[in-house]
Protein backbone atom coordinates (compact mmCIF):
# COMPACT_ATOMS: atom_id res chain seq x y z
CA MET A 1 -4.35 -2.52 39.64
CA ARG A 2 -2.20 -1.70 42.66
CA ARG A 3 0.73 -0.20 40.78
CA ALA A 4 -1.50 1.95 38.62
CA ILE A 5 -3.33 3.32 41.68
CA HIS A 6 0.01 4.05 43.33
CA LEU A 7 1.21 5.75 40.16
CA LEU A 8 -1.83 8.02 40.12
CA LEU A 9 -1.26 8.95 43.76
CA VAL A 10 2.32 9.90 42.95
CA CYS A 11 1.30 11.93 39.91
CA ALA A 12 -1.44 13.72 41.81
CA SER A 13 1.11 15.02 44.30
CA LEU A 14 3.58 16.35 41.71
CA PRO A 15 3.72 19.89 40.30
CA PRO A 16 2.16 20.37 36.83
CA PHE A 17 3.96 18.52 34.06
CA THR A 18 6.06 20.68 31.72
CA TRP A 19 9.02 20.32 29.40
CA ALA A 20 11.45 22.73 27.84
CA GLU A 21 9.52 23.79 24.77
CA SER A 22 6.01 22.45 25.07
CA THR A 23 3.13 21.75 27.41
CA PRO A 24 0.21 19.63 26.19
CA THR A 25 -2.92 21.73 25.94
CA GLN A 26 -5.11 18.94 27.28
CA THR A 27 -4.74 15.42 28.61
CA PRO A 28 -7.36 13.04 29.96
CA LYS A 29 -7.90 13.27 33.69
CA ALA A 30 -7.05 10.20 35.71
CA PRO A 31 -10.05 8.61 37.37
CA ALA A 32 -10.28 9.18 41.08
CA SER A 33 -9.22 6.10 42.97
CA THR A 34 -11.67 4.58 45.41
CA ALA A 35 -8.88 2.58 47.06
CA PRO A 36 -7.84 3.75 50.55
CA ALA A 37 -4.60 5.71 50.39
CA ALA A 38 -2.23 5.18 53.29
CA ALA A 39 -0.99 8.37 54.90
CA SER A 40 2.56 7.33 54.06
CA SER A 41 1.73 7.43 50.36
CA GLN A 42 1.55 11.20 50.50
CA SER A 43 5.33 11.30 51.06
CA ASP A 44 6.05 8.92 48.18
CA PRO A 45 6.89 11.57 45.54
CA GLU A 46 9.51 13.22 47.74
CA VAL A 47 11.10 9.91 48.61
CA VAL A 48 10.73 8.17 45.25
CA LEU A 49 12.17 11.10 43.31
CA LEU A 50 14.52 12.24 46.11
CA LEU A 51 13.16 15.72 45.49
CA GLY A 52 14.72 17.40 48.50
CA MET A 53 18.24 15.99 48.21
CA PRO A 54 20.77 18.87 48.68
CA VAL A 55 23.14 17.65 45.98
CA THR A 56 25.05 20.95 45.86
CA GLN A 57 25.47 21.52 49.60
CA GLY A 58 28.17 19.03 50.46
CA LYS A 59 28.58 15.62 52.05
CA GLU A 60 27.22 16.55 55.48
CA ALA A 61 23.98 17.97 54.11
CA THR A 62 23.53 14.89 51.92
CA LEU A 63 24.04 12.48 54.81
CA ALA A 64 21.66 14.50 56.98
CA TYR A 65 19.03 14.23 54.25
CA LEU A 66 19.53 10.45 54.09
CA ALA A 67 19.04 10.17 57.82
CA LYS A 68 15.83 12.17 57.55
CA ILE A 69 14.14 10.11 54.83
CA GLY A 70 15.78 6.71 55.24
CA GLY A 71 12.87 5.24 57.18
CA LYS A 72 10.31 6.55 54.73
CA ALA A 73 11.72 4.39 51.94
CA ASP A 74 10.26 1.30 53.64
CA LEU A 75 6.77 2.84 53.41
CA ILE A 76 6.75 3.20 49.61
CA ALA A 77 3.77 1.26 48.34
CA ASP A 78 5.21 -0.03 45.07
CA PRO A 79 7.74 -2.86 45.69
CA ILE A 80 9.88 -2.11 42.64
CA LEU A 81 10.12 1.59 43.47
CA ARG A 82 10.78 0.73 47.12
CA ARG A 83 13.69 -1.52 46.18
CA SER A 84 15.13 1.05 43.75
CA VAL A 85 15.03 3.81 46.38
CA ARG A 86 16.64 1.58 49.02
CA LEU A 87 19.50 0.66 46.67
CA THR A 88 19.96 4.29 45.66
CA LEU A 89 20.07 5.52 49.26
CA ALA A 90 22.61 2.83 50.13
CA ALA A 91 24.77 3.80 47.15
CA ILE A 92 24.67 7.48 48.10
CA GLU A 93 25.50 6.69 51.72
CA SER A 94 28.60 4.82 50.52
CA ASN A 95 29.56 7.57 48.04
CA PRO A 96 28.00 10.87 49.16
CA ASP A 97 30.33 12.82 46.87
CA GLN A 98 28.63 11.09 43.92
CA ALA A 99 25.10 11.84 45.14
CA ALA A 100 24.06 13.88 42.10
CA GLN A 101 25.17 11.23 39.60
CA ILE A 102 23.64 8.39 41.60
CA ARG A 103 20.32 10.23 41.93
CA GLN A 104 20.35 10.87 38.17
CA GLY A 105 20.85 7.17 37.49
CA HIS A 106 18.03 6.36 39.88
CA LEU A 107 15.67 8.76 38.09
CA ALA A 108 16.62 7.25 34.74
CA SER A 109 15.83 3.79 36.11
CA ILE A 110 12.40 4.68 37.44
CA SER A 111 11.70 6.66 34.28
CA ALA A 112 12.13 3.43 32.31
CA TYR A 113 9.90 1.69 34.85
CA PHE A 114 7.10 4.19 34.34
CA VAL A 115 7.37 3.70 30.57
CA GLU A 116 6.74 -0.01 31.13
CA ILE A 117 3.75 0.80 33.35
CA GLY A 118 2.43 3.05 30.59
CA LYS A 119 2.82 0.37 27.94
CA LYS A 120 1.03 -2.15 30.13
CA ALA A 121 -1.77 0.35 30.77
CA LEU A 122 -2.22 0.89 27.03
CA GLU A 123 -2.46 -2.85 26.47
CA GLU A 124 -5.23 -2.94 29.08
CA GLY A 125 -7.04 0.04 27.55
CA ASP A 126 -6.28 2.30 30.52
CA LEU A 127 -5.42 5.54 28.71
CA PRO A 128 -5.47 7.89 31.75
CA THR A 129 -2.86 5.76 33.53
CA ALA A 130 -0.76 5.55 30.36
CA VAL A 131 -0.86 9.35 30.02
CA GLN A 132 0.20 9.85 33.64
CA ALA A 133 2.95 7.25 33.30
CA GLY A 134 4.32 8.91 30.18
CA GLN A 135 4.33 12.33 31.82
CA LEU A 136 6.04 11.03 34.94
CA ALA A 137 8.63 9.10 32.92
CA ILE A 138 9.68 12.32 31.18
CA ARG A 139 9.63 14.28 34.44
CA CYS A 140 11.94 11.73 36.02
CA SER A 141 14.40 11.83 33.13
CA GLY A 142 14.08 14.42 30.39
CA SER A 143 16.81 12.64 28.44
CA ASN A 144 14.89 9.34 28.29
CA THR A 145 14.42 8.97 24.53
CA GLN A 146 12.05 6.04 24.91
CA ALA A 147 9.86 8.00 27.33
CA LYS A 148 9.51 10.89 24.91
CA LEU A 149 8.75 8.51 22.04
CA PHE A 150 6.14 6.71 24.12
CA TYR A 151 4.38 9.86 25.28
CA ALA A 152 4.58 11.52 21.85
CA ASP A 153 2.83 8.48 20.37
CA ILE A 154 0.05 8.83 22.95
CA LEU A 155 -0.33 12.52 22.15
CA HIS A 156 -0.42 11.87 18.41
CA ARG A 157 -2.38 8.61 18.15
CA LYS A 158 -4.61 8.54 21.22
CA ILE A 159 -5.39 12.14 22.18
CA GLY A 160 -5.16 13.91 18.84
CA LYS A 161 -2.52 16.37 20.07
CA SER A 162 -0.07 16.01 17.21
CA GLU A 163 1.29 19.54 17.56
CA ASP A 164 2.21 18.83 21.19
CA ALA A 165 3.87 15.58 20.10
CA ILE A 166 5.95 17.48 17.55
CA LEU A 167 7.06 20.04 20.13
CA LEU A 168 7.95 17.30 22.61
CA LEU A 169 10.09 15.39 20.12
CA LYS A 170 11.66 18.59 18.81
CA SER A 171 12.79 19.47 22.34
CA GLY A 172 14.89 16.29 22.43
CA LEU A 173 16.54 16.44 19.01
CA GLY A 174 19.72 17.92 20.45
CA THR A 175 20.27 15.11 22.96
CA ILE A 176 19.66 11.91 20.97
CA ASN A 177 22.31 9.65 19.50
CA SER A 178 21.16 9.31 15.90
CA SER A 179 23.46 6.34 15.27
CA GLU A 180 21.72 4.15 17.85
CA PRO A 181 18.48 2.27 17.07
CA MET A 182 16.47 4.33 19.58
CA GLY A 183 17.85 7.57 18.16
CA ARG A 184 16.97 6.48 14.63
CA ALA A 185 13.46 5.58 15.75
CA TYR A 186 13.18 9.00 17.40
CA LEU A 187 14.16 10.87 14.23
CA GLU A 188 11.89 8.70 12.10
CA ARG A 189 8.89 9.24 14.39
CA TYR A 190 9.48 12.98 14.48
CA GLY A 191 9.45 13.08 10.69
CA GLN A 192 6.38 10.85 10.47
CA ILE A 193 4.30 13.05 12.77
CA LEU A 194 5.41 16.17 10.88
CA GLN A 195 4.32 14.47 7.66
CA ALA A 196 0.99 13.47 9.21
CA ARG A 197 0.36 17.19 9.72
CA HIS A 198 1.51 17.96 6.15
CA ARG A 199 4.47 19.96 7.46
CA ASP A 200 6.68 18.77 4.62
CA PRO A 201 8.96 21.84 4.38
CA GLU A 202 10.05 21.20 7.98
CA VAL A 203 10.68 17.53 7.21
CA ILE A 204 12.79 18.49 4.21
CA ASP A 205 14.82 21.03 6.20
CA PHE A 206 15.52 18.83 9.20
CA THR A 207 16.33 15.67 7.22
CA LEU A 208 18.61 17.40 4.71
CA ASN A 209 20.45 19.15 7.54
CA TYR A 210 21.06 15.80 9.26
CA LEU A 211 22.22 14.25 5.99
CA LYS A 212 25.03 16.81 5.79
CA ASN A 213 26.72 14.92 8.64
CA LYS A 214 29.16 12.57 6.89
CA ASP A 215 29.55 10.48 10.06
CA LEU A 216 25.87 9.55 10.16
CA ALA A 217 25.23 5.80 10.29
CA SER A 218 24.11 4.34 6.95
CA GLU A 219 20.82 3.08 8.42
CA THR A 220 20.03 6.58 9.69
CA LYS A 221 20.92 8.10 6.32
CA THR A 222 18.52 5.73 4.58
CA ILE A 223 15.63 6.58 6.93
CA LEU A 224 16.17 10.33 6.67
CA ALA A 225 16.74 10.29 2.91
CA PHE A 226 13.51 8.34 2.39
CA GLN A 227 11.55 10.82 4.50
CA ALA A 228 13.10 13.75 2.65
CA ALA A 229 12.34 12.18 -0.75
CA THR A 230 8.75 11.45 0.29
CA SER A 231 8.12 15.02 1.42
CA LEU A 232 9.81 16.41 -1.69
CA TYR A 233 7.50 14.22 -3.77
CA TRP A 234 4.41 15.41 -1.89
CA CYS A 235 5.48 19.02 -2.46
CA GLY A 236 5.82 18.43 -6.20
CA ARG A 237 9.61 18.71 -6.22
CA TYR A 238 9.99 15.57 -8.32
CA PRO A 239 13.53 16.04 -9.73
CA GLU A 240 14.95 16.66 -6.24
CA ALA A 241 13.14 13.62 -4.86
CA THR A 242 14.40 11.47 -7.74
CA ASN A 243 17.94 12.69 -7.17
CA LEU A 244 17.80 11.72 -3.49
CA ILE A 245 16.42 8.28 -4.34
CA GLU A 246 19.25 7.65 -6.78
CA THR A 247 21.97 9.16 -4.56
CA TYR A 248 21.09 7.04 -1.54
CA LYS A 249 19.97 4.00 -3.59
CA LEU A 250 16.58 4.01 -1.91
CA ASP A 251 15.06 1.98 -4.74
CA LYS A 252 16.77 -1.15 -3.45
CA THR A 253 13.59 -1.67 -1.42
CA ALA A 254 10.06 -2.15 -2.69
CA SER A 255 8.85 1.06 -1.04
CA GLY A 256 11.77 2.98 -2.57
CA THR A 257 11.00 1.53 -6.00
CA MET A 258 7.37 2.59 -5.69
CA LEU A 259 8.32 6.11 -4.60
CA HIS A 260 10.78 6.35 -7.49
CA SER A 261 8.08 5.41 -10.00
CA LEU A 262 5.65 7.95 -8.52
CA CYS A 263 8.24 10.73 -8.77
CA LEU A 264 8.79 9.87 -12.42
CA PHE A 265 5.08 9.46 -13.18
CA ASP A 266 3.94 12.71 -11.57
CA GLY A 267 6.97 14.46 -12.99
CA GLY A 268 5.72 13.63 -16.49
CA ARG A 269 8.14 10.76 -17.27
CA VAL A 270 5.35 8.22 -17.59
CA GLN A 271 7.06 5.46 -19.55
CA GLN A 272 10.11 5.55 -17.29
CA ALA A 273 7.82 5.21 -14.29
CA LEU A 274 6.16 2.12 -15.73
CA SER A 275 9.53 0.65 -16.74
CA VAL A 276 10.86 1.02 -13.20
CA LEU A 277 7.95 -1.03 -11.84
CA ASP A 278 8.10 -3.56 -14.66
CA ASN A 279 11.86 -4.10 -14.32
CA ARG A 280 12.00 -4.27 -10.53
CA ALA A 281 8.93 -6.41 -9.78
CA PRO A 282 10.78 -9.73 -10.39
CA ASP A 283 13.36 -8.75 -7.74
CA PHE A 284 10.78 -9.01 -4.96
CA ARG A 285 8.53 -11.68 -3.52
CA GLY A 286 5.30 -11.93 -1.56
CA GLN A 287 3.63 -8.76 -0.35
CA GLU A 288 6.44 -6.54 -1.62
CA ARG A 289 6.03 -7.78 -5.17
CA ASP A 290 2.26 -7.53 -4.94
CA ALA A 291 2.54 -3.91 -3.77
CA ILE A 292 4.63 -3.05 -6.83
CA LEU A 293 2.20 -4.81 -9.16
CA SER A 294 -0.69 -3.02 -7.46
CA GLN A 295 0.91 0.36 -8.07
CA HIS A 296 1.63 -0.59 -11.67
CA SER A 297 -2.03 -1.50 -12.16
CA ARG A 298 -3.11 1.76 -10.52
CA LEU A 299 -0.93 3.86 -12.84
CA LEU A 300 -2.27 2.02 -15.88
CA SER A 301 -5.82 2.79 -14.72
CA LEU A 302 -4.93 6.47 -14.38
CA LEU A 303 -3.61 6.38 -17.93
CA GLY A 304 -6.94 5.01 -19.15
CA GLN A 305 -5.57 1.55 -19.88
CA PRO A 306 -7.92 -0.82 -18.00
CA LYS A 307 -7.11 -3.81 -20.24
CA GLN A 308 -3.46 -3.68 -19.24
CA ALA A 309 -4.51 -3.14 -15.61
CA LEU A 310 -6.69 -6.26 -15.85
CA SER A 311 -3.77 -8.29 -17.17
CA LEU A 312 -1.61 -7.24 -14.22
CA THR A 313 -4.41 -7.97 -11.77
CA ASN A 314 -4.78 -11.45 -13.24
CA ASP A 315 -1.05 -11.95 -12.70
CA ARG A 316 -1.45 -10.93 -9.06
CA ILE A 317 -4.34 -13.36 -8.61
CA SER A 318 -2.25 -16.17 -10.11
CA LEU A 319 0.33 -15.52 -7.37
CA ASP A 320 -2.24 -15.28 -4.56
CA GLY A 321 -5.49 -16.92 -5.54
CA ALA A 322 -6.86 -16.90 -2.00
CA ASN A 323 -6.80 -13.10 -1.82
CA GLY A 324 -10.40 -11.97 -2.03
CA PHE A 325 -9.48 -8.29 -2.23
CA LEU A 326 -7.71 -8.91 -5.53
CA ARG A 327 -10.85 -10.55 -6.84
CA VAL A 328 -12.87 -7.44 -5.93
CA GLN A 329 -10.31 -5.30 -7.77
CA ARG A 330 -10.64 -7.58 -10.80
CA LEU A 331 -14.42 -7.25 -10.60
CA ALA A 332 -14.14 -3.44 -10.69
CA ILE A 333 -11.92 -3.51 -13.78
CA LEU A 334 -14.25 -5.92 -15.59
CA ASP A 335 -17.07 -3.53 -14.78
CA LYS A 336 -15.12 -0.59 -16.21
CA LEU A 337 -14.41 -2.56 -19.38
CA GLY A 338 -18.09 -3.41 -19.77
CA GLN A 339 -17.45 -7.17 -19.85
CA ARG A 340 -20.81 -8.05 -18.30
CA ASP A 341 -20.64 -11.83 -18.67
CA GLU A 342 -17.21 -12.00 -17.07
CA TYR A 343 -18.34 -9.52 -14.43
CA GLU A 344 -21.37 -11.59 -13.42
CA LYS A 345 -19.29 -14.75 -13.36
CA GLU A 346 -16.66 -13.12 -11.14
CA LEU A 347 -19.27 -11.67 -8.79
CA ARG A 348 -20.87 -15.09 -8.26
CA ALA A 349 -17.44 -16.60 -7.63
CA ILE A 350 -16.59 -13.96 -5.02
CA LEU A 351 -19.88 -14.50 -3.20
CA ASP A 352 -19.46 -18.28 -3.30
CA GLN A 353 -15.82 -18.36 -2.21
CA PHE A 354 -15.51 -15.41 0.18
CA SER A 355 -18.89 -14.89 1.85
CA GLY A 356 -17.31 -16.20 5.05
CA SER A 357 -14.88 -13.27 5.14
CA ASP A 358 -16.42 -10.11 6.57
CA SER A 359 -13.49 -7.99 5.35
CA VAL A 360 -13.80 -9.17 1.73
CA MET A 361 -17.57 -8.70 1.83
CA LEU A 362 -17.02 -5.21 3.23
CA ALA A 363 -14.65 -4.42 0.36
CA LEU A 364 -17.30 -5.66 -2.07
CA ALA A 365 -19.97 -3.53 -0.36
CA ASN A 366 -17.71 -0.47 -0.53
CA TYR A 367 -17.27 -1.06 -4.25
CA GLY A 368 -21.02 -1.49 -4.69
CA SER A 369 -21.81 1.71 -2.80
CA GLN A 370 -19.37 3.73 -4.94
CA ARG A 371 -20.99 2.41 -8.11
CA GLY A 372 -24.57 2.79 -6.89
CA TYR A 373 -25.25 -0.95 -7.09
CA PHE A 374 -27.98 -0.92 -4.44
CA SER A 375 -29.23 -4.45 -5.14
CA LEU A 376 -25.76 -5.84 -4.46
CA CYS A 377 -25.44 -3.75 -1.30
CA GLU A 378 -28.86 -4.87 -0.08
CA LEU A 379 -27.85 -8.49 -0.64
CA LEU A 380 -24.65 -7.91 1.35
CA ALA A 381 -26.53 -6.15 4.15
CA ASN A 382 -28.80 -9.20 4.49
CA LEU A 383 -25.74 -11.47 4.36
CA ALA A 384 -24.20 -9.45 7.19
CA VAL A 385 -27.26 -10.12 9.34
CA ALA A 386 -27.12 -13.84 8.60
CA LYS A 387 -23.37 -14.08 9.24
CA GLY A 388 -23.27 -11.82 12.30
CA TYR A 389 -21.06 -9.19 10.66
CA ASP A 390 -21.10 -5.47 11.47
CA THR A 391 -24.63 -4.90 10.24
CA ALA A 392 -24.63 -1.14 10.85
CA THR A 393 -21.73 -0.63 8.44
CA PHE A 394 -23.25 -2.80 5.71
CA SER A 395 -26.61 -1.04 6.14
CA ALA A 396 -24.96 2.37 5.85
CA LEU A 397 -23.24 1.30 2.63
CA HIS A 398 -26.63 0.19 1.32
CA LEU A 399 -28.00 3.68 2.08
CA GLU A 400 -25.01 5.25 0.33
CA SER A 401 -25.52 3.06 -2.75
CA LEU A 402 -29.11 4.28 -3.02
CA ILE A 403 -27.90 7.90 -3.01
CA ARG A 404 -25.27 7.11 -5.63
CA ALA A 405 -27.97 5.47 -7.77
CA GLY A 406 -30.12 8.61 -7.63
CA LYS A 407 -32.67 7.02 -5.29
CA SER A 408 -32.42 9.40 -2.35
CA ASP A 409 -36.12 9.08 -1.53
CA LEU A 410 -35.74 5.30 -1.21
CA CYS A 411 -32.64 5.88 0.95
CA ILE A 412 -34.72 7.91 3.41
CA ARG A 413 -37.54 5.34 3.50
CA THR A 414 -35.06 2.48 3.96
CA TYR A 415 -33.46 4.26 6.90
CA GLN A 416 -36.86 4.92 8.47
CA ASN A 417 -37.86 1.26 8.14
CA VAL A 418 -34.60 -0.02 9.63
CA ASN A 419 -34.68 2.53 12.43
CA MET A 420 -38.29 1.74 13.24
CA ALA A 421 -37.46 -1.95 13.56
CA ASN A 422 -34.38 -1.31 15.71
CA LYS A 423 -33.79 2.16 17.19
CA GLY A 424 -30.19 1.35 18.07
CA HIS A 425 -29.19 -0.18 14.73
CA PHE A 426 -27.09 2.79 13.61
CA ARG A 427 -25.72 3.77 17.02
CA SER A 428 -22.12 2.83 16.14
CA ASN A 429 -21.99 4.93 12.95
CA GLN A 430 -24.62 7.54 13.68
CA THR A 431 -22.47 10.47 12.51
CA MET A 432 -22.00 9.16 8.98
CA VAL A 433 -25.62 8.01 8.72
CA GLN A 434 -26.76 11.52 9.67
CA ALA A 435 -24.55 12.85 6.88
CA LEU A 436 -26.10 10.40 4.41
CA LEU A 437 -29.59 11.49 5.44
CA GLY A 438 -28.59 15.13 5.04
CA ILE A 439 -27.35 14.35 1.54
CA ALA A 440 -30.51 12.40 0.70
CA TYR A 441 -32.85 15.20 1.77
CA HIS A 442 -30.88 17.70 -0.30
CA LEU A 443 -30.82 15.48 -3.39
CA ARG A 444 -34.23 13.81 -3.53
CA PRO A 445 -36.65 15.14 -6.19
CA LYS A 446 -38.68 18.19 -5.13
CA PRO A 447 -42.26 18.20 -6.51
CA ASN A 448 -42.93 21.80 -5.41
CA PRO A 449 -41.25 24.78 -3.67
CA ALA A 450 -42.78 23.95 -0.28
CA VAL A 451 -41.28 20.46 -0.28
CA GLU A 452 -37.98 21.87 -1.54
CA LYS A 453 -37.82 24.33 1.36
CA ALA A 454 -38.72 21.67 3.92
CA ASP A 455 -36.23 19.14 2.55
CA ARG A 456 -33.45 21.70 2.47
CA SER A 457 -34.14 22.59 6.11
CA ILE A 458 -34.18 18.93 7.21
CA GLY A 459 -31.06 18.20 5.17
CA ASP A 460 -29.22 21.12 6.74
CA LYS A 461 -30.14 19.90 10.24
CA TYR A 462 -28.72 16.44 9.53
CA LEU A 463 -25.54 17.92 8.02
CA GLU A 464 -25.20 20.21 11.04
CA ALA A 465 -25.41 17.14 13.30
CA PHE A 466 -22.61 15.58 11.25
CA LEU A 467 -20.46 18.70 11.69
CA GLU A 468 -21.14 18.92 15.43
CA ALA A 469 -20.50 15.26 16.21
CA GLU A 470 -18.77 14.52 19.51
CA ILE A 471 -15.88 12.91 17.63
CA THR A 472 -14.87 15.30 14.86
CA PRO A 473 -15.11 13.67 11.42
CA GLY A 474 -11.79 13.16 9.64
CA PRO A 475 -10.76 14.89 6.40
CA GLU A 476 -11.93 11.98 4.24
CA ALA A 477 -15.40 12.11 5.79
CA PHE A 478 -15.74 15.78 4.80
CA ARG A 479 -14.55 14.92 1.29
CA SER A 480 -16.92 11.97 0.91
CA VAL A 481 -19.99 13.92 2.02
CA SER A 482 -19.18 16.85 -0.25
CA ARG A 483 -18.58 14.58 -3.27
CA HIS A 484 -22.09 13.13 -2.94
CA LEU A 485 -23.58 16.61 -2.73
CA ILE A 486 -21.58 17.89 -5.71
CA ASP A 487 -22.42 14.86 -7.84
CA GLY A 488 -26.09 15.51 -7.08
CA GLY A 489 -25.82 19.20 -7.97
CA ALA A 490 -26.08 20.52 -4.39
CA THR A 491 -22.96 22.68 -4.62
CA ASP A 492 -23.88 25.26 -1.94
CA PRO A 493 -24.16 22.77 0.97
CA ALA A 494 -21.07 20.98 -0.37
CA ALA A 495 -19.11 24.22 -0.20
CA ARG A 496 -20.35 24.80 3.38
CA ILE A 497 -19.29 21.31 4.45
CA LEU A 498 -15.85 21.76 2.92
CA SER A 499 -15.48 25.23 4.42
CA THR A 500 -15.91 23.68 7.87
CA GLY A 501 -13.51 20.90 6.91
CA VAL A 502 -10.84 23.41 5.90
CA GLN A 503 -11.32 25.32 9.15
CA THR A 504 -10.97 22.06 11.08
CA TYR A 505 -7.96 20.80 9.08
CA PRO A 506 -6.31 23.93 7.63
CA TRP A 507 -3.17 21.95 6.79
CA HIS A 508 -4.95 19.41 4.54
CA SER A 509 -4.25 20.38 0.91
CA GLN A 510 -6.66 17.93 -0.74
CA LEU A 511 -9.52 19.15 1.44
CA ARG A 512 -8.70 22.72 0.44
CA ALA A 513 -8.55 21.67 -3.22
CA ASP A 514 -12.02 20.11 -2.96
CA TRP A 515 -13.30 23.32 -1.34
CA ILE A 516 -11.91 25.38 -4.21
CA SER A 517 -13.59 23.11 -6.78
CA ALA A 518 -16.90 23.30 -4.89
CA ARG A 519 -16.71 27.09 -4.69
CA ILE A 520 -16.07 27.30 -8.43
CA LEU A 521 -19.15 25.15 -9.11
CA ALA A 522 -21.22 27.20 -6.65
CA GLY A 523 -20.07 30.50 -8.13
CA GLN A 524 -18.42 31.59 -4.88
CA GLY A 525 -15.31 33.26 -6.27
CA ASP A 526 -15.44 36.49 -4.31
CA ALA A 527 -14.56 37.14 -0.68
CA TYR A 528 -17.61 37.30 1.58
CA GLY A 529 -17.56 37.89 5.34
CA THR A 530 -14.86 35.61 6.74
CA ARG A 531 -14.59 33.72 3.44
CA PRO A 532 -11.38 34.64 1.61
CA ALA A 533 -11.27 35.37 -2.10
CA LEU A 534 -10.94 32.23 -4.20
CA VAL A 535 -7.76 33.43 -5.87
CA ASP A 536 -6.09 33.72 -2.45
CA GLU A 537 -6.97 30.10 -1.74
CA VAL A 538 -5.57 29.07 -5.13
CA GLU A 539 -2.28 30.80 -4.37
CA ARG A 540 -2.16 29.11 -0.97
CA LEU A 541 -2.84 25.73 -2.57
CA LEU A 542 0.16 26.19 -4.85
CA THR A 543 2.48 26.44 -1.82
CA GLY A 544 1.39 23.24 -0.06
CA ARG A 545 1.29 19.51 -0.65
CA ARG A 546 0.17 18.68 -4.16
CA PRO A 547 -3.51 17.67 -4.41
CA LEU A 548 -4.87 15.34 -7.08
CA PRO A 549 -4.56 16.85 -10.58
CA PRO A 550 -8.29 17.30 -11.46
CA VAL A 551 -8.58 20.44 -9.31
CA TRP A 552 -6.03 22.26 -11.44
CA GLY A 553 -8.19 21.85 -14.54
CA ASP A 554 -11.15 23.29 -12.62
CA ILE A 555 -9.04 26.25 -11.48
CA LEU A 556 -7.64 26.89 -14.94
CA GLY A 557 -11.14 27.00 -16.42
CA TRP A 558 -12.25 29.44 -13.72
CA LEU A 559 -9.22 31.68 -14.23
CA ARG A 560 -9.91 31.99 -17.95
CA SER A 561 -13.67 32.49 -17.83
CA GLU A 562 -14.91 33.76 -14.47
CA SER A 563 -12.10 35.05 -12.29
CA ARG A 564 -12.27 38.76 -13.24
CA LEU A 565 -8.59 39.13 -12.29
CA ASP A 566 -6.18 41.43 -14.04
CA ALA A 567 -4.42 39.88 -17.04
CA ALA A 568 -0.96 39.86 -15.46
CA ARG A 569 -2.12 37.90 -12.42
CA VAL A 570 -4.01 35.44 -14.61
CA ARG A 571 -0.92 34.83 -16.76
CA LYS A 572 1.23 34.25 -13.67
CA LEU A 573 -1.22 31.73 -12.22
CA GLU A 574 -1.70 30.01 -15.58
CA ALA A 575 2.05 29.52 -15.90
CA ALA A 576 2.17 27.87 -12.46
CA ILE A 577 -0.93 25.72 -12.94
CA GLU A 578 -0.77 24.48 -16.54
CA PRO A 579 2.02 21.90 -15.87
CA LEU A 580 -0.08 20.44 -13.03
CA VAL A 581 -3.27 19.76 -14.99
CA ARG A 582 -2.34 16.32 -16.50
CA PRO A 583 -5.22 16.23 -19.03
CA GLY A 584 -4.24 12.77 -20.29
CA LEU A 585 -5.13 11.06 -17.01
CA ASP A 586 -8.49 9.49 -16.17
CA ARG A 587 -10.38 11.82 -13.82
CA ASP A 588 -12.78 9.09 -12.69
CA ALA A 589 -9.85 6.85 -11.75
CA PHE A 590 -8.53 9.59 -9.46
CA LEU A 591 -11.93 9.72 -7.77
CA GLY A 592 -12.02 5.94 -7.32
CA ARG A 593 -14.82 5.36 -9.81
C-alpha cells in the first residue's frame, strides 16, 4: 500500500513520539519496507510538516524559507500530502504575516488525514501502520480530539496499554469542547477506560466535577451522570448512585432502569428493585425490553425463586421464539427445578431447531460443561465436527465437563486420544487446554503416594504453562481455573494460581476476593515471604470495587474462628463486612450454577 509505505518512511524520520503527560511504554514496530525509497522521500518530513519554518522571525525569513523548500513540495510521494503542502505554501506566500496560523491549519488538516489512514489500516488488519498513523496524527496536531481518541483506542483495545491511553486522554481534557459531539465522546471514552481499569474513584471525581458546570449540555450531563452513577454503584455507594439516577432522570432509558434496580437490589431494597423492573418493562420494546426482563429473571434466581424466573423466561420466549439462547436459559432453569421430563423435551427441541447455529450450540455446550454433563458435551463435540464448527472449543468444553463430573482420569485419556489422532487439534486454545490438564492431574484419584507425587508434579507443569502463556490469560481465566481446583479440593494450587492473577491484575477486585477465599480454604492466613497477611488483603478489598457477596461470608467466618486478630480489630471488620454478606441470596446462582 503506497500511502502506508510513505507514512512509515515519514514516521521513521521523525523524532521519538511524545506528548505532554505520557509516553507509551511500548508500541509495535513497523515492518521494514522492501519498497525502494526515493532519495527525495528523506526530505518529506521537513517539507510535509514545514518543520523549519521561521514563524517568529518575520516576513523576510518566512519568504526565504519558502524559496528554499518550494521545489521540494513537488517531490512529496503522497499526492494528498503534496497537494496540501502546495496549497499551504501558496497561502503563506500570499499572507506571510499569517504564516504561523496557516501552518497550524495545515498541520490540523494532515493530522485528520493520518487518522483516516490509521482507520483504513485497522480495517485491513495492519496494526503497525495504524499505530504510526495515530502517533503522527497527534504529533501534527496535539489538539486533534479525534486523533487522541483514535490512538487511545488502539492503546487500550489493541496493545493492552490502558494506562497510557488514560494518560493520553487526560492530557487533552483541558482543551476539549464538552458540548460538542466529539468532546462528549472524548469524555465518555476517558471514563470508560478508567472504569475498565477499575479506577472508579477517579471516574466519580472527574464526572462530578464536570457536572458542577451549569452550562454543560444536557446530553453531556446525561453521559457523565450515568458514568458517575455506575462507578458509585460498583463502589457500593448505592444511595448516592440512586440519587444521581433520580436527579438526572437516567431511568428514562433501559440501561438507566437496569442500573436503578441494581442499586436498589444491592442496597437491600429488594422489592423496590423488582418493582422498578416490573413497572418499566412495558415502556420498552425489542432488545431493550428483553434486557430488562433478563435482569428481572436474574434477580429472581439470586433470590432463590427459579419458578418465577422460569415464568419470566417463558414470557421472553413468547416475544422472541427464534432466540435459541433464551431456550438454553429456559433449559437451565428447568434443570434447577428438577423438572426432568420438561428438561429432556426442551433439550431435544433445542437440538432439533438450533443445531445449525454454532453460537447456540456453543451456549449449550458451555451450560453442559458447567453442569458436568459430559455426554451432552461429547454429543456437541461430535456435532461440531459434522457441522464444521470450531471443534477445538467444543472439545475443550467436553474436557471441562469431564472434570466437573469428577472424571478427571477420563479427561486426561480423552485428551490423549484426540491429540494422538490430530496433534494440532488444540492449537488455537492450547493455553486453556493446558490449564484443564493441570486441573485434571491435580484432581484425579491417587491410588498411592507415588502416583500422587507424580500427578502433582505433572499438574504443576501444565498450570505453569498456563501462567507463562505468550498471551497472558485474562482475569476470568484465572478465576475459572481456580474454581475447578477449589471445587475439587485442591486449594493450594488454586491459591497459587490466584496469587499470580492478583499480581497480574492488581486492580481486579473480584480476582482478589477469590484469592482471599482460596487462602482461607488453604489455611494461608499469615504473611509469608512476599505474601501479605490475609487481613491486609481484606482491608484492601473493602476499599475497592464490590466483589460478589459470597466472599464476605467466607471472610466473616474466618474472622470469627481462625483470624487470631485482636478483638477490637475483629469488631471493626465485622461491622464493615456484615452488611455485605447477603445471606438470603443463592450462592450457586452467583457462581453461575
